[in-house]
Amino acid sequence: MKDEIKGKADELKGKLTGNKSEEMKGKAEQAADKVRRAGRDIREDVREKTDEERDKEAREREAESVREPKPW
């Protein structure tokens, strides 16, 4: 988030001074921050899904071991 804020500040600085290079640098910093955050979100989603699957499998194994055979 701080890179996005820094990028916005650089972009505004570039606009105010008429420095296109500084403005583009700020836009690039903002875009890079968005990509990093998206990657982090995807990584967290995958980790949560894997944990859910692992827990589900563990519960199923535990349920199988707890079942008692029918007395017939």
PDB file of N, CA and C in Angstrom:
ATOM      1  N   MET A   1       0.824  -1.185   0.000  1.00  0.00           N
ATOM      2  CA  MET A   1       0.000   0.000   0.000  1.00  0.00           C
ATOM      3  C   MET A   1       0.875   1.259   0.000  1.00  0.00           C
ATOM      4  N   LYS A   2       1.992   1.184   0.725  1.00  0.00           N
ATOM      5  CA  LYS A   2       2.839   2.380   0.786  1.00  0.00           C
ATOM      6  C   LYS A   2       3.434   2.707  -0.578  1.00  0.00           C
ATOM      7  N   ASP A   3       3.721   1.662  -1.392  1.00  0.00           N
ATOM      8  CA  ASP A   3       4.247   1.923  -2.738  1.00  0.00           C
ATOM      9  C   ASP A   3       3.202   2.601  -3.614  1.00  0.00           C
ATOM     10  N   GLU A   4       1.941   2.236  -3.409  1.00  0.00           N
ATOM     11  CA  GLU A   4       0.876   2.885  -4.181  1.00  0.00           C
ATOM     12  C   GLU A   4       0.788   4.361  -3.807  1.00  0.00           C
ATOM     13  N   ILE A   5       0.887   4.650  -2.531  1.00  0.00           N
ATOM     14  CA  ILE A   5       0.829   6.048  -2.069  1.00  0.00           C
ATOM     15  C   ILE A   5       2.041   6.813  -2.578  1.00  0.00           C
ATOM     16  N   LYS A   6       3.229   6.179  -2.476  1.00  0.00           N
ATOM     17  CA  LYS A   6       4.440   6.831  -2.982  1.00  0.00           C
ATOM     18  C   LYS A   6       4.326   7.062  -4.485  1.00  0.00           C
ATOM     19  N   GLY A   7       3.767   6.088  -5.188  1.00  0.00           N
ATOM     20  CA  GLY A   7       3.592   6.234  -6.631  1.00  0.00           C
ATOM     21  C   GLY A   7       2.642   7.365  -6.979  1.00  0.00           C
ATOM     22  N   LYS A   8       1.568   7.468  -6.210  1.00  0.00           N
ATOM     23  CA  LYS A   8       0.608   8.554  -6.446  1.00  0.00           C
ATOM     24  C   LYS A   8       1.270   9.903  -6.197  1.00  0.00           C
ATOM     25  N   ALA A   9       2.084   9.980  -5.157  1.00  0.00           N
ATOM     26  CA  ALA A   9       2.794  11.229  -4.854  1.00  0.00           C
ATOM     27  C   ALA A   9       3.760  11.576  -5.995  1.00  0.00           C
ATOM     28  N   ASP A  10       4.493  10.579  -6.482  1.00  0.00           N
ATOM     29  CA  ASP A  10       5.418  10.828  -7.593  1.00  0.00           C
ATOM     30  C   ASP A  10       4.660  11.258  -8.853  1.00  0.00           C
ATOM     31  N   GLU A  11       3.515  10.623  -9.088  1.00  0.00           N
ATOM     32  CA  GLU A  11       2.708  10.989 -10.258  1.00  0.00           C
ATOM     33  C   GLU A  11       2.244  12.450 -10.158  1.00  0.00           C
ATOM     34  N   LEU A  12       1.740  12.818  -8.993  1.00  0.00           N
ATOM     35  CA  LEU A  12       1.282  14.200  -8.807  1.00  0.00           C
ATOM     36  C   LEU A  12       2.437  15.192  -8.923  1.00  0.00           C
ATOM     37  N   LYS A  13       3.577  14.814  -8.358  1.00  0.00           N
ATOM     38  CA  LYS A  13       4.765  15.671  -8.451  1.00  0.00           C
ATOM     39  C   LYS A  13       5.141  15.877  -9.921  1.00  0.00           C
ATOM     40  N   GLY A  14       5.085  14.797 -10.686  1.00  0.00           N
ATOM     41  CA  GLY A  14       5.402  14.897 -12.108  1.00  0.00           C
ATOM     42  C   GLY A  14       4.413  15.766 -12.860  1.00  0.00           C
ATOM     43  N   LYS A  15       3.129  15.647 -12.500  1.00  0.00           N
ATOM     44  CA  LYS A  15       2.109  16.479 -13.163  1.00  0.00           C
ATOM     45  C   LYS A  15       2.314  17.949 -12.833  1.00  0.00           C
ATOM     46  N   LEU A  16       2.606  18.228 -11.560  1.00  0.00           N
ATOM     47  CA  LEU A  16       2.772  19.625 -11.145  1.00  0.00           C
ATOM     48  C   LEU A  16       4.006  20.274 -11.750  1.00  0.00           C
ATOM     49  N   THR A  17       5.075  19.504 -11.878  1.00  0.00           N
ATOM     50  CA  THR A  17       6.316  20.071 -12.412  1.00  0.00           C
ATOM     51  C   THR A  17       6.415  19.927 -13.930  1.00  0.00           C
ATOM     52  N   GLY A  18       5.489  19.163 -14.519  1.00  0.00           N
ATOM     53  CA  GLY A  18       5.531  18.955 -15.961  1.00  0.00           C
ATOM     54  C   GLY A  18       6.560  17.904 -16.367  1.00  0.00           C
ATOM     55  N   ASN A  19       7.020  17.127 -15.414  1.00  0.00           N
ATOM     56  CA  ASN A  19       8.031  16.105 -15.668  1.00  0.00           C
ATOM     57  C   ASN A  19       7.323  14.785 -15.989  1.00  0.00           C
ATOM     58  N   LYS A  20       7.225  14.451 -17.273  1.00  0.00           N
ATOM     59  CA  LYS A  20       6.527  13.237 -17.706  1.00  0.00           C
ATOM     60  C   LYS A  20       7.202  11.980 -17.177  1.00  0.00           C
ATOM     61  N   SER A  21       8.522  12.027 -17.071  1.00  0.00           N
ATOM     62  CA  SER A  21       9.261  10.867 -16.578  1.00  0.00           C
ATOM     63  C   SER A  21       8.857  10.548 -15.132  1.00  0.00           C
ATOM     64  N   GLU A  22       8.782  11.561 -14.302  1.00  0.00           N
ATOM     65  CA  GLU A  22       8.388  11.386 -12.900  1.00  0.00           C
ATOM     66  C   GLU A  22       6.936  10.908 -12.814  1.00  0.00           C
ATOM     67  N   GLU A  23       6.094  11.447 -13.652  1.00  0.00           N
ATOM     68  CA  GLU A  23       4.685  11.048 -13.679  1.00  0.00           C
ATOM     69  C   GLU A  23       4.545   9.571 -14.067  1.00  0.00           C
ATOM     70  N   MET A  24       5.278   9.152 -15.085  1.00  0.00           N
ATOM     71  CA  MET A  24       5.220   7.753 -15.524  1.00  0.00           C
ATOM     72  C   MET A  24       5.821   6.815 -14.470  1.00  0.00           C
ATOM     73  N   LYS A  25       6.859   7.285 -13.786  1.00  0.00           N
ATOM     74  CA  LYS A  25       7.475   6.492 -12.720  1.00  0.00           C
ATOM     75  C   LYS A  25       6.446   6.254 -11.616  1.00  0.00           C
ATOM     76  N   GLY A  26       5.691   7.274 -11.273  1.00  0.00           N
ATOM     77  CA  GLY A  26       4.659   7.142 -10.249  1.00  0.00           C
ATOM     78  C   GLY A  26       3.568   6.167 -10.660  1.00  0.00           C
ATOM     79  N   LYS A  27       3.150   6.246 -11.907  1.00  0.00           N
ATOM     80  CA  LYS A  27       2.128   5.314 -12.404  1.00  0.00           C
ATOM     81  C   LYS A  27       2.653   3.882 -12.382  1.00  0.00           C
ATOM     82  N   ALA A  28       3.924   3.706 -12.737  1.00  0.00           N
ATOM     83  CA  ALA A  28       4.525   2.371 -12.726  1.00  0.00           C
ATOM     84  C   ALA A  28       4.594   1.815 -11.302  1.00  0.00           C
ATOM     85  N   GLU A  29       4.934   2.659 -10.337  1.00  0.00           N
ATOM     86  CA  GLU A  29       4.980   2.214  -8.933  1.00  0.00           C
ATOM     87  C   GLU A  29       3.593   1.784  -8.458  1.00  0.00           C
ATOM     88  N   GLN A  30       2.582   2.528  -8.863  1.00  0.00           N
ATOM     89  CA  GLN A  30       1.215   2.165  -8.470  1.00  0.00           C
ATOM     90  C   GLN A  30       0.805   0.830  -9.080  1.00  0.00           C
ATOM     91  N   ALA A  31       1.123   0.648 -10.350  1.00  0.00           N
ATOM     92  CA  ALA A  31       0.769  -0.600 -11.033  1.00  0.00           C
ATOM     93  C   ALA A  31       1.508  -1.782 -10.415  1.00  0.00           C
ATOM     94  N   ALA A  32       2.776  -1.593 -10.092  1.00  0.00           N
ATOM     95  CA  ALA A  32       3.565  -2.670  -9.486  1.00  0.00           C
ATOM     96  C   ALA A  32       2.982  -3.059  -8.129  1.00  0.00           C
ATOM     97  N   ASP A  33       2.542  -2.076  -7.374  1.00  0.00           N
ATOM     98  CA  ASP A  33       1.946  -2.363  -6.068  1.00  0.00           C
ATOM     99  C   ASP A  33       0.648  -3.156  -6.237  1.00  0.00           C
ATOM    100  N   LYS A  34      -0.144  -2.802  -7.221  1.00  0.00           N
ATOM    101  CA  LYS A  34      -1.395  -3.531  -7.462  1.00  0.00           C
ATOM    102  C   LYS A  34      -1.124  -4.981  -7.851  1.00  0.00           C
ATOM    103  N   VAL A  35      -0.093  -5.193  -8.667  1.00  0.00           N
ATOM    104  CA  VAL A  35       0.264  -6.551  -9.075  1.00  0.00           C
ATOM    105  C   VAL A  35       0.738  -7.356  -7.865  1.00  0.00           C
ATOM    106  N   ARG A  36       1.567  -6.746  -7.026  1.00  0.00           N
ATOM    107  CA  ARG A  36       2.040  -7.437  -5.820  1.00  0.00           C
ATOM    108  C   ARG A  36       0.882  -7.816  -4.914  1.00  0.00           C
ATOM    109  N   ARG A  37      -0.050  -6.886  -4.735  1.00  0.00           N
ATOM    110  CA  ARG A  37      -1.204  -7.178  -3.873  1.00  0.00           C
ATOM    111  C   ARG A  37      -2.077  -8.282  -4.468  1.00  0.00           C
ATOM    112  N   ALA A  38      -2.261  -8.276  -5.786  1.00  0.00           N
ATOM    113  CA  ALA A  38      -3.052  -9.320  -6.436  1.00  0.00           C
ATOM    114  C   ALA A  38      -2.372 -10.675  -6.266  1.00  0.00           C
ATOM    115  N   GLY A  39      -1.073 -10.725  -6.433  1.00  0.00           N
ATOM    116  CA  GLY A  39      -0.332 -11.963  -6.235  1.00  0.00           C
ATOM    117  C   GLY A  39      -0.451 -12.472  -4.811  1.00  0.00           C
ATOM    118  N   ARG A  40      -0.372 -11.560  -3.867  1.00  0.00           N
ATOM    119  CA  ARG A  40      -0.504 -11.935  -2.456  1.00  0.00           C
ATOM    120  C   ARG A  40      -1.906 -12.471  -2.181  1.00  0.00           C
ATOM    121  N   ASP A  41      -2.920 -11.843  -2.754  1.00  0.00           N
ATOM    122  CA  ASP A  41      -4.303 -12.310  -2.566  1.00  0.00           C
ATOM    123  C   ASP A  41      -4.497 -13.707  -3.150  1.00  0.00           C
ATOM    124  N   ILE A  42      -3.938 -13.929  -4.334  1.00  0.00           N
ATOM    125  CA  ILE A  42      -4.058 -15.247  -4.966  1.00  0.00           C
ATOM    126  C   ILE A  42      -3.357 -16.294  -4.120  1.00  0.00           C
ATOM    127  N   ARG A  43      -2.160 -15.966  -3.643  1.00  0.00           N
ATOM    128  CA  ARG A  43      -1.406 -16.907  -2.817  1.00  0.00           C
ATOM    129  C   ARG A  43      -2.188 -17.266  -1.553  1.00  0.00           C
ATOM    130  N   GLU A  44      -2.805 -16.269  -0.911  1.00  0.00           N
ATOM    131  CA  GLU A  44      -3.604 -16.522   0.288  1.00  0.00           C
ATOM    132  C   GLU A  44      -4.825 -17.379  -0.024  1.00  0.00           C
ATOM    133  N   ASP A  45      -5.485 -17.120  -1.157  1.00  0.00           N
ATOM    134  CA  ASP A  45      -6.653 -17.919  -1.542  1.00  0.00           C
ATOM    135  C   ASP A  45      -6.270 -19.379  -1.766  1.00  0.00           C
ATOM    136  N   VAL A  46      -5.142 -19.593  -2.452  1.00  0.00           N
ATOM    137  CA  VAL A  46      -4.688 -20.959  -2.713  1.00  0.00           C
ATOM    138  C   VAL A  46      -4.340 -21.651  -1.394  1.00  0.00           C
ATOM    139  N   ARG A  47      -3.670 -20.933  -0.509  1.00  0.00           N
ATOM    140  CA  ARG A  47      -3.297 -21.513   0.781  1.00  0.00           C
ATOM    141  C   ARG A  47      -4.544 -21.893   1.587  1.00  0.00           C
ATOM    142  N   GLU A  48      -5.542 -21.018   1.601  1.00  0.00           N
ATOM    143  CA  GLU A  48      -6.786 -21.318   2.330  1.00  0.00           C
ATOM    144  C   GLU A  48      -7.484 -22.539   1.739  1.00  0.00           C
ATOM    145  N   LYS A  49      -7.545 -22.616   0.423  1.00  0.00           N
ATOM    146  CA  LYS A  49      -8.204 -23.743  -0.238  1.00  0.00           C
ATOM    147  C   LYS A  49      -7.464 -25.047   0.061  1.00  0.00           C
ATOM    148  N   THR A  50      -6.144 -25.010   0.030  1.00  0.00           N
ATOM    149  CA  THR A  50      -5.370 -26.212   0.324  1.00  0.00           C
ATOM    150  C   THR A  50      -5.583 -26.645   1.766  1.00  0.00           C
ATOM    151  N   ASP A  51      -5.605 -25.683   2.675  1.00  0.00           N
ATOM    152  CA  ASP A  51      -5.846 -26.007   4.079  1.00  0.00           C
ATOM    153  C   ASP A  51      -7.225 -26.631   4.267  1.00  0.00           C
ATOM    154  N   GLU A  52      -8.228 -26.083   3.578  1.00  0.00           N
ATOM    155  CA  GLU A  52      -9.584 -26.628   3.679  1.00  0.00           C
ATOM    156  C   GLU A  52      -9.617 -28.075   3.185  1.00  0.00           C
ATOM    157  N   GLU A  53      -8.960 -28.338   2.054  1.00  0.00           N
ATOM    158  CA  GLU A  53      -8.937 -29.696   1.503  1.00  0.00           C
ATOM    159  C   GLU A  53      -8.213 -30.653   2.449  1.00  0.00           C
ATOM    160  N   ARG A  54      -7.100 -30.201   3.012  1.00  0.00           N
ATOM    161  CA  ARG A  54      -6.336 -31.034   3.936  1.00  0.00           C
ATOM    162  C   ARG A  54      -7.163 -31.349   5.176  1.00  0.00           C
ATOM    163  N   ASP A  55      -7.866 -30.352   5.703  1.00  0.00           N
ATOM    164  CA  ASP A  55      -8.722 -30.563   6.874  1.00  0.00           C
ATOM    165  C   ASP A  55      -9.866 -31.516   6.557  1.00  0.00           C
ATOM    166  N   LYS A  56     -10.443 -31.360   5.369  1.00  0.00           N
ATOM    167  CA  LYS A  56     -11.553 -32.230   4.967  1.00  0.00           C
ATOM    168  C   LYS A  56     -11.086 -33.684   4.891  1.00  0.00           C
ATOM    169  N   GLU A  57      -9.928 -33.900   4.284  1.00  0.00           N
ATOM    170  CA  GLU A  57      -9.387 -35.257   4.185  1.00  0.00           C
ATOM    171  C   GLU A  57      -9.084 -35.833   5.560  1.00  0.00           C
ATOM    172  N   ALA A  58      -8.558 -35.016   6.453  1.00  0.00           N
ATOM    173  CA  ALA A  58      -8.243 -35.490   7.807  1.00  0.00           C
ATOM    174  C   ALA A  58      -9.524 -35.864   8.550  1.00  0.00           C
ATOM    175  N   ARG A  59     -10.569 -35.051   8.385  1.00  0.00           N
ATOM    176  CA  ARG A  59     -11.850 -35.363   9.042  1.00  0.00           C
ATOM    177  C   ARG A  59     -12.435 -36.661   8.496  1.00  0.00           C
ATOM    178  N   GLU A  60     -12.322 -36.878   7.197  1.00  0.00           N
ATOM    179  CA  GLU A  60     -12.838 -38.107   6.587  1.00  0.00           C
ATOM    180  C   GLU A  60     -12.076 -39.331   7.096  1.00  0.00           C
ATOM    181  N   ARG A  61     -10.750 -39.234   7.176  1.00  0.00           N
ATOM    182  CA  ARG A  61      -9.957 -40.351   7.704  1.00  0.00           C
ATOM    183  C   ARG A  61     -10.315 -40.625   9.151  1.00  0.00           C
ATOM    184  N   GLU A  62     -10.492 -39.554   9.920  1.00  0.00           N
ATOM    185  CA  GLU A  62     -10.849 -39.717  11.324  1.00  0.00           C
ATOM    186  C   GLU A  62     -12.229 -40.348  11.456  1.00  0.00           C
ATOM    187  N   ALA A  63     -13.170 -39.927  10.630  1.00  0.00           N
ATOM    188  CA  ALA A  63     -14.524 -40.485  10.680  1.00  0.00           C
ATOM    189  C   ALA A  63     -14.509 -41.964  10.327  1.00  0.00           C
ATOM    190  N   GLU A  64     -13.672 -42.366   9.375  1.00  0.00           N
ATOM    191  CA  GLU A  64     -13.575 -43.777   8.999  1.00  0.00           C
ATOM    192  C   GLU A  64     -13.010 -44.615  10.140  1.00  0.00           C
ATOM    193  N   SER A  65     -12.066 -44.072  10.865  1.00  0.00           N
ATOM    194  CA  SER A  65     -11.459 -44.834  11.947  1.00  0.00           C
ATOM    195  C   SER A  65     -12.369 -44.925  13.176  1.00  0.00           C
ATOM    196  N   VAL A  66     -13.317 -44.001  13.299  1.00  0.00           N
ATOM    197  CA  VAL A  66     -14.205 -43.982  14.447  1.00  0.00           C
ATOM    198  C   VAL A  66     -15.395 -44.910  14.256  1.00  0.00           C
ATOM    199  N   ARG A  67     -15.780 -45.158  13.029  1.00  0.00           N
ATOM    200  CA  ARG A  67     -16.945 -46.003  12.758  1.00  0.00           C
ATOM    201  C   ARG A  67     -16.755 -47.401  13.348  1.00  0.00           C
ATOM    202  N   GLU A  68     -17.806 -47.883  13.962  1.00  0.00           N
ATOM    203  CA  GLU A  68     -17.741 -49.229  14.532  1.00  0.00           C
ATOM    204  C   GLU A  68     -18.394 -50.210  13.573  1.00  0.00           C
ATOM    205  N   PRO A  69     -17.893 -51.410  13.521  1.00  0.00           N
ATOM    206  CA  PRO A  69     -18.505 -52.388  12.629  1.00  0.00           C
ATOM    207  C   PRO A  69     -19.895 -52.778  13.146  1.00  0.00           C
ATOM    208  N   LYS A  70     -20.780 -53.067  12.241  1.00  0.00           N
ATOM    209  CA  LYS A  70     -22.143 -53.456  12.631  1.00  0.00           C
ATOM    210  C   LYS A  70     -22.099 -54.858  13.221  1.00  0.00           C
ATOM    211  N   PRO A  71     -22.874 -55.090  14.273  1.00  0.00           N
ATOM    212  CA  PRO A  71     -22.784 -56.362  14.977  1.00  0.00           C
ATOM    213  C   PRO A  71     -23.566 -57.484  14.311  1.00  0.00           C
ATOM    214  N   TRP A  72     -23.746 -57.546  13.060  1.00  0.00           N
ATOM    215  CA  TRP A  72     -24.485 -58.618  12.417  1.00  0.00           C
ATOM    216  C   TRP A  72     -23.619 -59.521  11.692  1.00  0.00           C
TER     217      TRP A  72
END
